[in-house]
Amino acid sequence: RHPPQDSDDQMLSWLEHHDIPVILVLTKVDKISRNDLTKQVHHAATTLSLAPEQIFPFSAESGFGKDALLTFLGDYLNTAAQIQQAKKR
């Protein structure tokens, strides 16, 4: 509902500088229309130089986006665990 702030850009720069993977979770998306959501995702992607795949619209109230976010996080954690296991071999 709110555009990215300077502090968001600073945090993103810090994370990228330290090679920390980044995703953006847009919360409370149940408060805006689908059309506005599409605009918000595009605006955030453009403003913060993120790929649309890095942006997850989410609503705790309605559950919108929950499955996609949980799937992404589960896949990411499984991949990270596999990489760690491979390093130990």
PDB file of N, CA and C in Angstrom:
ATOM      1  N   ARG A   1       0.808  -1.199   0.000  1.00  0.00           N
ATOM      2  CA  ARG A   1       0.000   0.000   0.000  1.00  0.00           C
ATOM      3  C   ARG A   1       0.846   1.255   0.000  1.00  0.00           C
ATOM      4  N   HIS A   2       2.091   1.109   0.441  1.00  0.00           N
ATOM      5  CA  HIS A   2       2.973   2.265   0.479  1.00  0.00           C
ATOM      6  C   HIS A   2       4.149   2.020  -0.453  1.00  0.00           C
ATOM      7  N   PRO A   3       4.599   3.056  -1.127  1.00  0.00           N
ATOM      8  CA  PRO A   3       5.748   2.864  -2.029  1.00  0.00           C
ATOM      9  C   PRO A   3       7.020   2.568  -1.242  1.00  0.00           C
ATOM     10  N   PRO A   4       8.012   1.981  -1.887  1.00  0.00           N
ATOM     11  CA  PRO A   4       9.282   1.732  -1.201  1.00  0.00           C
ATOM     12  C   PRO A   4       9.884   3.035  -0.668  1.00  0.00           C
ATOM     13  N   GLN A   5      10.435   2.954   0.514  1.00  0.00           N
ATOM     14  CA  GLN A   5      11.043   4.110   1.166  1.00  0.00           C
ATOM     15  C   GLN A   5      12.558   4.098   0.956  1.00  0.00           C
ATOM     16  N   ASP A   6      13.207   5.200   1.274  1.00  0.00           N
ATOM     17  CA  ASP A   6      14.667   5.260   1.181  1.00  0.00           C
ATOM     18  C   ASP A   6      15.312   4.180   2.035  1.00  0.00           C
ATOM     19  N   SER A   7      14.730   3.915   3.200  1.00  0.00           N
ATOM     20  CA  SER A   7      15.293   2.888   4.085  1.00  0.00           C
ATOM     21  C   SER A   7      15.201   1.498   3.455  1.00  0.00           C
ATOM     22  N   ASP A   8      14.179   1.255   2.650  1.00  0.00           N
ATOM     23  CA  ASP A   8      14.057  -0.022   1.936  1.00  0.00           C
ATOM     24  C   ASP A   8      15.194  -0.169   0.935  1.00  0.00           C
ATOM     25  N   ASP A   9      15.469   0.903   0.224  1.00  0.00           N
ATOM     26  CA  ASP A   9      16.553   0.886  -0.762  1.00  0.00           C
ATOM     27  C   ASP A   9      17.908   0.705  -0.080  1.00  0.00           C
ATOM     28  N   GLN A  10      18.092   1.337   1.062  1.00  0.00           N
ATOM     29  CA  GLN A  10      19.346   1.186   1.813  1.00  0.00           C
ATOM     30  C   GLN A  10      19.530  -0.249   2.290  1.00  0.00           C
ATOM     31  N   MET A  11      18.474  -0.843   2.798  1.00  0.00           N
ATOM     32  CA  MET A  11      18.555  -2.227   3.266  1.00  0.00           C
ATOM     33  C   MET A  11      18.850  -3.162   2.108  1.00  0.00           C
ATOM     34  N   LEU A  12      18.195  -2.946   0.992  1.00  0.00           N
ATOM     35  CA  LEU A  12      18.429  -3.772  -0.192  1.00  0.00           C
ATOM     36  C   LEU A  12      19.881  -3.660  -0.640  1.00  0.00           C
ATOM     37  N   SER A  13      20.417  -2.470  -0.662  1.00  0.00           N
ATOM     38  CA  SER A  13      21.819  -2.273  -1.047  1.00  0.00           C
ATOM     39  C   SER A  13      22.751  -3.004  -0.095  1.00  0.00           C
ATOM     40  N   TRP A  14      22.467  -2.936   1.195  1.00  0.00           N
ATOM     41  CA  TRP A  14      23.310  -3.602   2.192  1.00  0.00           C
ATOM     42  C   TRP A  14      23.265  -5.118   1.987  1.00  0.00           C
ATOM     43  N   LEU A  15      22.064  -5.659   1.800  1.00  0.00           N
ATOM     44  CA  LEU A  15      21.927  -7.104   1.597  1.00  0.00           C
ATOM     45  C   LEU A  15      22.670  -7.558   0.346  1.00  0.00           C
ATOM     46  N   GLU A  16      22.511  -6.815  -0.741  1.00  0.00           N
ATOM     47  CA  GLU A  16      23.188  -7.179  -1.981  1.00  0.00           C
ATOM     48  C   GLU A  16      24.701  -7.062  -1.846  1.00  0.00           C
ATOM     49  N   HIS A  17      25.166  -6.044  -1.132  1.00  0.00           N
ATOM     50  CA  HIS A  17      26.602  -5.865  -0.914  1.00  0.00           C
ATOM     51  C   HIS A  17      27.196  -7.074  -0.191  1.00  0.00           C
ATOM     52  N   HIS A  18      26.417  -7.661   0.704  1.00  0.00           N
ATOM     53  CA  HIS A  18      26.880  -8.804   1.484  1.00  0.00           C
ATOM     54  C   HIS A  18      26.444 -10.144   0.876  1.00  0.00           C
ATOM     55  N   ASP A  19      26.005 -10.104  -0.386  1.00  0.00           N
ATOM     56  CA  ASP A  19      25.586 -11.309  -1.119  1.00  0.00           C
ATOM     57  C   ASP A  19      24.521 -12.111  -0.387  1.00  0.00           C
ATOM     58  N   ILE A  20      23.591 -11.420   0.229  1.00  0.00           N
ATOM     59  CA  ILE A  20      22.478 -12.066   0.916  1.00  0.00           C
ATOM     60  C   ILE A  20      21.276 -12.053  -0.030  1.00  0.00           C
ATOM     61  N   PRO A  21      20.711 -13.217  -0.341  1.00  0.00           N
ATOM     62  CA  PRO A  21      19.573 -13.275  -1.260  1.00  0.00           C
ATOM     63  C   PRO A  21      18.403 -12.425  -0.755  1.00  0.00           C
ATOM     64  N   VAL A  22      17.679 -11.857  -1.698  1.00  0.00           N
ATOM     65  CA  VAL A  22      16.606 -10.928  -1.352  1.00  0.00           C
ATOM     66  C   VAL A  22      15.296 -11.346  -2.000  1.00  0.00           C
ATOM     67  N   ILE A  23      14.249 -11.322  -1.191  1.00  0.00           N
ATOM     68  CA  ILE A  23      12.886 -11.355  -1.705  1.00  0.00           C
ATOM     69  C   ILE A  23      12.149 -10.213  -1.016  1.00  0.00           C
ATOM     70  N   LEU A  24      11.067  -9.797  -1.614  1.00  0.00           N
ATOM     71  CA  LEU A  24      10.244  -8.734  -1.045  1.00  0.00           C
ATOM     72  C   LEU A  24       8.851  -9.298  -0.836  1.00  0.00           C
ATOM     73  N   VAL A  25       8.337  -9.177   0.377  1.00  0.00           N
ATOM     74  CA  VAL A  25       6.986  -9.621   0.682  1.00  0.00           C
ATOM     75  C   VAL A  25       6.126  -8.371   0.864  1.00  0.00           C
ATOM     76  N   LEU A  26       5.187  -8.200  -0.048  1.00  0.00           N
ATOM     77  CA  LEU A  26       4.255  -7.078   0.043  1.00  0.00           C
ATOM     78  C   LEU A  26       3.073  -7.538   0.888  1.00  0.00           C
ATOM     79  N   THR A  27       2.930  -6.966   2.054  1.00  0.00           N
ATOM     80  CA  THR A  27       1.897  -7.411   2.985  1.00  0.00           C
ATOM     81  C   THR A  27       0.621  -6.581   2.857  1.00  0.00           C
ATOM     82  N   LYS A  28      -0.421  -7.100   3.465  1.00  0.00           N
ATOM     83  CA  LYS A  28      -1.738  -6.459   3.510  1.00  0.00           C
ATOM     84  C   LYS A  28      -2.308  -6.195   2.122  1.00  0.00           C
ATOM     85  N   VAL A  29      -2.051  -7.118   1.195  1.00  0.00           N
ATOM     86  CA  VAL A  29      -2.535  -6.906  -0.167  1.00  0.00           C
ATOM     87  C   VAL A  29      -4.048  -7.059  -0.270  1.00  0.00           C
ATOM     88  N   ASP A  30      -4.679  -7.571   0.772  1.00  0.00           N
ATOM     89  CA  ASP A  30      -6.140  -7.663   0.763  1.00  0.00           C
ATOM     90  C   ASP A  30      -6.777  -6.275   0.849  1.00  0.00           C
ATOM     91  N   LYS A  31      -6.003  -5.271   1.169  1.00  0.00           N
ATOM     92  CA  LYS A  31      -6.512  -3.901   1.318  1.00  0.00           C
ATOM     93  C   LYS A  31      -6.559  -3.138  -0.002  1.00  0.00           C
ATOM     94  N   ILE A  32      -6.009  -3.729  -1.080  1.00  0.00           N
ATOM     95  CA  ILE A  32      -5.982  -3.043  -2.369  1.00  0.00           C
ATOM     96  C   ILE A  32      -6.589  -3.923  -3.458  1.00  0.00           C
ATOM     97  N   SER A  33      -6.997  -3.301  -4.541  1.00  0.00           N
ATOM     98  CA  SER A  33      -7.597  -4.043  -5.656  1.00  0.00           C
ATOM     99  C   SER A  33      -6.529  -4.829  -6.402  1.00  0.00           C
ATOM    100  N   ARG A  34      -6.962  -5.795  -7.195  1.00  0.00           N
ATOM    101  CA  ARG A  34      -6.021  -6.589  -8.010  1.00  0.00           C
ATOM    102  C   ARG A  34      -5.262  -5.690  -8.978  1.00  0.00           C
ATOM    103  N   ASN A  35      -5.946  -4.710  -9.543  1.00  0.00           N
ATOM    104  CA  ASN A  35      -5.311  -3.781 -10.465  1.00  0.00           C
ATOM    105  C   ASN A  35      -4.218  -2.983  -9.744  1.00  0.00           C
ATOM    106  N   ASP A  36      -4.529  -2.490  -8.549  1.00  0.00           N
ATOM    107  CA  ASP A  36      -3.530  -1.745  -7.776  1.00  0.00           C
ATOM    108  C   ASP A  36      -2.382  -2.653  -7.340  1.00  0.00           C
ATOM    109  N   LEU A  37      -2.691  -3.917  -7.063  1.00  0.00           N
ATOM    110  CA  LEU A  37      -1.640  -4.863  -6.686  1.00  0.00           C
ATOM    111  C   LEU A  37      -0.650  -5.045  -7.826  1.00  0.00           C
ATOM    112  N   THR A  38      -1.162  -5.210  -9.024  1.00  0.00           N
ATOM    113  CA  THR A  38      -0.284  -5.337 -10.188  1.00  0.00           C
ATOM    114  C   THR A  38       0.603  -4.111 -10.335  1.00  0.00           C
ATOM    115  N   LYS A  39       0.023  -2.935 -10.146  1.00  0.00           N
ATOM    116  CA  LYS A  39       0.799  -1.688 -10.218  1.00  0.00           C
ATOM    117  C   LYS A  39       1.844  -1.628  -9.114  1.00  0.00           C
ATOM    118  N   GLN A  40       1.489  -2.060  -7.904  1.00  0.00           N
ATOM    119  CA  GLN A  40       2.421  -2.026  -6.773  1.00  0.00           C
ATOM    120  C   GLN A  40       3.600  -2.974  -7.000  1.00  0.00           C
ATOM    121  N   VAL A  41       3.317  -4.158  -7.527  1.00  0.00           N
ATOM    122  CA  VAL A  41       4.390  -5.120  -7.806  1.00  0.00           C
ATOM    123  C   VAL A  41       5.328  -4.540  -8.865  1.00  0.00           C
ATOM    124  N   HIS A  42       4.757  -3.986  -9.918  1.00  0.00           N
ATOM    125  CA  HIS A  42       5.577  -3.391 -10.975  1.00  0.00           C
ATOM    126  C   HIS A  42       6.395  -2.222 -10.439  1.00  0.00           C
ATOM    127  N   HIS A  43       5.766  -1.368  -9.640  1.00  0.00           N
ATOM    128  CA  HIS A  43       6.466  -0.207  -9.084  1.00  0.00           C
ATOM    129  C   HIS A  43       7.605  -0.641  -8.165  1.00  0.00           C
ATOM    130  N   ALA A  44       7.347  -1.599  -7.303  1.00  0.00           N
ATOM    131  CA  ALA A  44       8.389  -2.086  -6.391  1.00  0.00           C
ATOM    132  C   ALA A  44       9.528  -2.722  -7.174  1.00  0.00           C
ATOM    133  N   ALA A  45       9.200  -3.516  -8.180  1.00  0.00           N
ATOM    134  CA  ALA A  45      10.239  -4.164  -9.000  1.00  0.00           C
ATOM    135  C   ALA A  45      11.097  -3.118  -9.692  1.00  0.00           C
ATOM    136  N   THR A  46      10.463  -2.118 -10.256  1.00  0.00           N
ATOM    137  CA  THR A  46      11.193  -1.070 -10.971  1.00  0.00           C
ATOM    138  C   THR A  46      12.021  -0.215 -10.014  1.00  0.00           C
ATOM    139  N   THR A  47      11.407   0.234  -8.941  1.00  0.00           N
ATOM    140  CA  THR A  47      12.073   1.128  -7.990  1.00  0.00           C
ATOM    141  C   THR A  47      13.250   0.458  -7.305  1.00  0.00           C
ATOM    142  N   LEU A  48      13.086  -0.807  -6.939  1.00  0.00           N
ATOM    143  CA  LEU A  48      14.124  -1.515  -6.186  1.00  0.00           C
ATOM    144  C   LEU A  48      14.987  -2.421  -7.058  1.00  0.00           C
ATOM    145  N   SER A  49      14.778  -2.383  -8.361  1.00  0.00           N
ATOM    146  CA  SER A  49      15.541  -3.207  -9.317  1.00  0.00           C
ATOM    147  C   SER A  49      15.480  -4.690  -8.962  1.00  0.00           C
ATOM    148  N   LEU A  50      14.281  -5.166  -8.716  1.00  0.00           N
ATOM    149  CA  LEU A  50      14.063  -6.577  -8.406  1.00  0.00           C
ATOM    150  C   LEU A  50      13.325  -7.242  -9.563  1.00  0.00           C
ATOM    151  N   ALA A  51      13.559  -8.523  -9.724  1.00  0.00           N
ATOM    152  CA  ALA A  51      12.796  -9.305 -10.696  1.00  0.00           C
ATOM    153  C   ALA A  51      11.413  -9.576 -10.101  1.00  0.00           C
ATOM    154  N   PRO A  52      10.392  -9.641 -10.925  1.00  0.00           N
ATOM    155  CA  PRO A  52       9.050  -9.935 -10.396  1.00  0.00           C
ATOM    156  C   PRO A  52       9.011 -11.232  -9.578  1.00  0.00           C
ATOM    157  N   GLU A  53       9.891 -12.195  -9.911  1.00  0.00           N
ATOM    158  CA  GLU A  53       9.921 -13.466  -9.172  1.00  0.00           C
ATOM    159  C   GLU A  53      10.422 -13.285  -7.736  1.00  0.00           C
ATOM    160  N   GLN A  54      11.019 -12.144  -7.442  1.00  0.00           N
ATOM    161  CA  GLN A  54      11.515 -11.871  -6.092  1.00  0.00           C
ATOM    162  C   GLN A  54      10.458 -11.187  -5.222  1.00  0.00           C
ATOM    163  N   ILE A  55       9.290 -10.926  -5.782  1.00  0.00           N
ATOM    164  CA  ILE A  55       8.254 -10.189  -5.067  1.00  0.00           C
ATOM    165  C   ILE A  55       7.067 -11.099  -4.805  1.00  0.00           C
ATOM    166  N   PHE A  56       6.675 -11.157  -3.539  1.00  0.00           N
ATOM    167  CA  PHE A  56       5.586 -12.023  -3.109  1.00  0.00           C
ATOM    168  C   PHE A  56       4.479 -11.205  -2.448  1.00  0.00           C
ATOM    169  N   PRO A  57       3.371 -10.979  -3.159  1.00  0.00           N
ATOM    170  CA  PRO A  57       2.223 -10.348  -2.512  1.00  0.00           C
ATOM    171  C   PRO A  57       1.653 -11.313  -1.481  1.00  0.00           C
ATOM    172  N   PHE A  58       1.244 -10.781  -0.335  1.00  0.00           N
ATOM    173  CA  PHE A  58       0.810 -11.652   0.758  1.00  0.00           C
ATOM    174  C   PHE A  58      -0.251 -10.961   1.610  1.00  0.00           C
ATOM    175  N   SER A  59      -1.205 -11.737   2.065  1.00  0.00           N
ATOM    176  CA  SER A  59      -2.207 -11.266   3.017  1.00  0.00           C
ATOM    177  C   SER A  59      -2.378 -12.303   4.113  1.00  0.00           C
ATOM    178  N   ALA A  60      -2.049 -11.919   5.324  1.00  0.00           N
ATOM    179  CA  ALA A  60      -2.260 -12.822   6.460  1.00  0.00           C
ATOM    180  C   ALA A  60      -3.758 -13.010   6.708  1.00  0.00           C
ATOM    181  N   GLU A  61      -4.533 -11.981   6.432  1.00  0.00           N
ATOM    182  CA  GLU A  61      -5.968 -12.035   6.688  1.00  0.00           C
ATOM    183  C   GLU A  61      -6.681 -13.016   5.756  1.00  0.00           C
ATOM    184  N   SER A  62      -6.395 -12.925   4.459  1.00  0.00           N
ATOM    185  CA  SER A  62      -7.092 -13.782   3.500  1.00  0.00           C
ATOM    186  C   SER A  62      -6.302 -15.033   3.124  1.00  0.00           C
ATOM    187  N   GLY A  63      -5.003 -15.041   3.417  1.00  0.00           N
ATOM    188  CA  GLY A  63      -4.159 -16.162   3.031  1.00  0.00           C
ATOM    189  C   GLY A  63      -3.611 -16.041   1.622  1.00  0.00           C
ATOM    190  N   PHE A  64      -3.945 -14.945   0.944  1.00  0.00           N
ATOM    191  CA  PHE A  64      -3.470 -14.738  -0.419  1.00  0.00           C
ATOM    192  C   PHE A  64      -1.942 -14.745  -0.446  1.00  0.00           C
ATOM    193  N   GLY A  65      -1.386 -15.528  -1.346  1.00  0.00           N
ATOM    194  CA  GLY A  65       0.063 -15.580  -1.515  1.00  0.00           C
ATOM    195  C   GLY A  65       0.803 -16.496  -0.550  1.00  0.00           C
ATOM    196  N   LYS A  66       0.098 -17.055   0.400  1.00  0.00           N
ATOM    197  CA  LYS A  66       0.737 -17.896   1.425  1.00  0.00           C
ATOM    198  C   LYS A  66       1.410 -19.120   0.809  1.00  0.00           C
ATOM    199  N   ASP A  67       0.708 -19.824  -0.049  1.00  0.00           N
ATOM    200  CA  ASP A  67       1.264 -21.044  -0.634  1.00  0.00           C
ATOM    201  C   ASP A  67       2.516 -20.752  -1.464  1.00  0.00           C
ATOM    202  N   ALA A  68       2.454 -19.694  -2.269  1.00  0.00           N
ATOM    203  CA  ALA A  68       3.612 -19.349  -3.107  1.00  0.00           C
ATOM    204  C   ALA A  68       4.811 -18.987  -2.245  1.00  0.00           C
ATOM    205  N   LEU A  69       4.585 -18.216  -1.192  1.00  0.00           N
ATOM    206  CA  LEU A  69       5.680 -17.820  -0.313  1.00  0.00           C
ATOM    207  C   LEU A  69       6.259 -19.023   0.426  1.00  0.00           C
ATOM    208  N   LEU A  70       5.414 -19.862   0.973  1.00  0.00           N
ATOM    209  CA  LEU A  70       5.894 -21.039   1.696  1.00  0.00           C
ATOM    210  C   LEU A  70       6.624 -22.008   0.773  1.00  0.00           C
ATOM    211  N   THR A  71       6.130 -22.170  -0.437  1.00  0.00           N
ATOM    212  CA  THR A  71       6.799 -23.039  -1.409  1.00  0.00           C
ATOM    213  C   THR A  71       8.183 -22.501  -1.731  1.00  0.00           C
ATOM    214  N   PHE A  72       8.270 -21.202  -2.001  1.00  0.00           N
ATOM    215  CA  PHE A  72       9.563 -20.600  -2.306  1.00  0.00           C
ATOM    216  C   PHE A  72      10.537 -20.779  -1.143  1.00  0.00           C
ATOM    217  N   LEU A  73      10.105 -20.465   0.066  1.00  0.00           N
ATOM    218  CA  LEU A  73      10.988 -20.573   1.232  1.00  0.00           C
ATOM    219  C   LEU A  73      11.410 -22.021   1.470  1.00  0.00           C
ATOM    220  N   GLY A  74      10.477 -22.957   1.329  1.00  0.00           N
ATOM    221  CA  GLY A  74      10.817 -24.368   1.489  1.00  0.00           C
ATOM    222  C   GLY A  74      11.841 -24.827   0.470  1.00  0.00           C
ATOM    223  N   ASP A  75      11.635 -24.441  -0.776  1.00  0.00           N
ATOM    224  CA  ASP A  75      12.586 -24.803  -1.832  1.00  0.00           C
ATOM    225  C   ASP A  75      13.954 -24.184  -1.570  1.00  0.00           C
ATOM    226  N   TYR A  76      13.956 -22.932  -1.155  1.00  0.00           N
ATOM    227  CA  TYR A  76      15.216 -22.243  -0.877  1.00  0.00           C
ATOM    228  C   TYR A  76      15.973 -22.928   0.265  1.00  0.00           C
ATOM    229  N   LEU A  77      15.261 -23.238   1.322  1.00  0.00           N
ATOM    230  CA  LEU A  77      15.912 -23.886   2.470  1.00  0.00           C
ATOM    231  C   LEU A  77      16.404 -25.282   2.123  1.00  0.00           C
ATOM    232  N   ASN A  78      15.643 -26.022   1.337  1.00  0.00           N
ATOM    233  CA  ASN A  78      16.092 -27.352   0.910  1.00  0.00           C
ATOM    234  C   ASN A  78      17.348 -27.263   0.052  1.00  0.00           C
ATOM    235  N   THR A  79      17.379 -26.295  -0.847  1.00  0.00           N
ATOM    236  CA  THR A  79      18.558 -26.098  -1.691  1.00  0.00           C
ATOM    237  C   THR A  79      19.764 -25.710  -0.848  1.00  0.00           C
ATOM    238  N   ALA A  80      19.561 -24.807   0.093  1.00  0.00           N
ATOM    239  CA  ALA A  80      20.661 -24.384   0.970  1.00  0.00           C
ATOM    240  C   ALA A  80      21.186 -25.559   1.787  1.00  0.00           C
ATOM    241  N   ALA A  81      20.293 -26.405   2.269  1.00  0.00           N
ATOM    242  CA  ALA A  81      20.711 -27.578   3.044  1.00  0.00           C
ATOM    243  C   ALA A  81      21.502 -28.548   2.168  1.00  0.00           C
ATOM    244  N   GLN A  82      21.076 -28.729   0.930  1.00  0.00           N
ATOM    245  CA  GLN A  82      21.794 -29.614   0.012  1.00  0.00           C
ATOM    246  C   GLN A  82      23.190 -29.074  -0.290  1.00  0.00           C
ATOM    247  N   ILE A  83      23.308 -27.784  -0.453  1.00  0.00           N
ATOM    248  CA  ILE A  83      24.617 -27.176  -0.695  1.00  0.00           C
ATOM    249  C   ILE A  83      25.523 -27.374   0.510  1.00  0.00           C
ATOM    250  N   GLN A  84      24.991 -27.187   1.691  1.00  0.00           N
ATOM    251  CA  GLN A  84      25.789 -27.396   2.902  1.00  0.00           C
ATOM    252  C   GLN A  84      26.247 -28.843   3.029  1.00  0.00           C
ATOM    253  N   GLN A  85      25.349 -29.773   2.708  1.00  0.00           N
ATOM    254  CA  GLN A  85      25.716 -31.185   2.770  1.00  0.00           C
ATOM    255  C   GLN A  85      26.805 -31.512   1.769  1.00  0.00           C
ATOM    256  N   ALA A  86      26.708 -30.951   0.568  1.00  0.00           N
ATOM    257  CA  ALA A  86      27.709 -31.189  -0.466  1.00  0.00           C
ATOM    258  C   ALA A  86      29.071 -30.635  -0.058  1.00  0.00           C
ATOM    259  N   LYS A  87      29.093 -29.542   0.655  1.00  0.00           N
ATOM    260  CA  LYS A  87      30.345 -28.933   1.111  1.00  0.00           C
ATOM    261  C   LYS A  87      31.028 -29.822   2.155  1.00  0.00           C
ATOM    262  N   LYS A  88      30.253 -30.580   2.914  1.00  0.00           N
ATOM    263  CA  LYS A  88      30.809 -31.431   3.963  1.00  0.00           C
ATOM    264  C   LYS A  88      31.438 -32.697   3.402  1.00  0.00           C
ATOM    265  N   ARG A  89      31.127 -33.037   2.160  1.00  0.00           N
ATOM    266  CA  ARG A  89      31.624 -34.272   1.564  1.00  0.00           C
ATOM    267  C   ARG A  89      33.010 -34.129   1.059  1.00  0.00           C
TER     268      ARG A  89
END
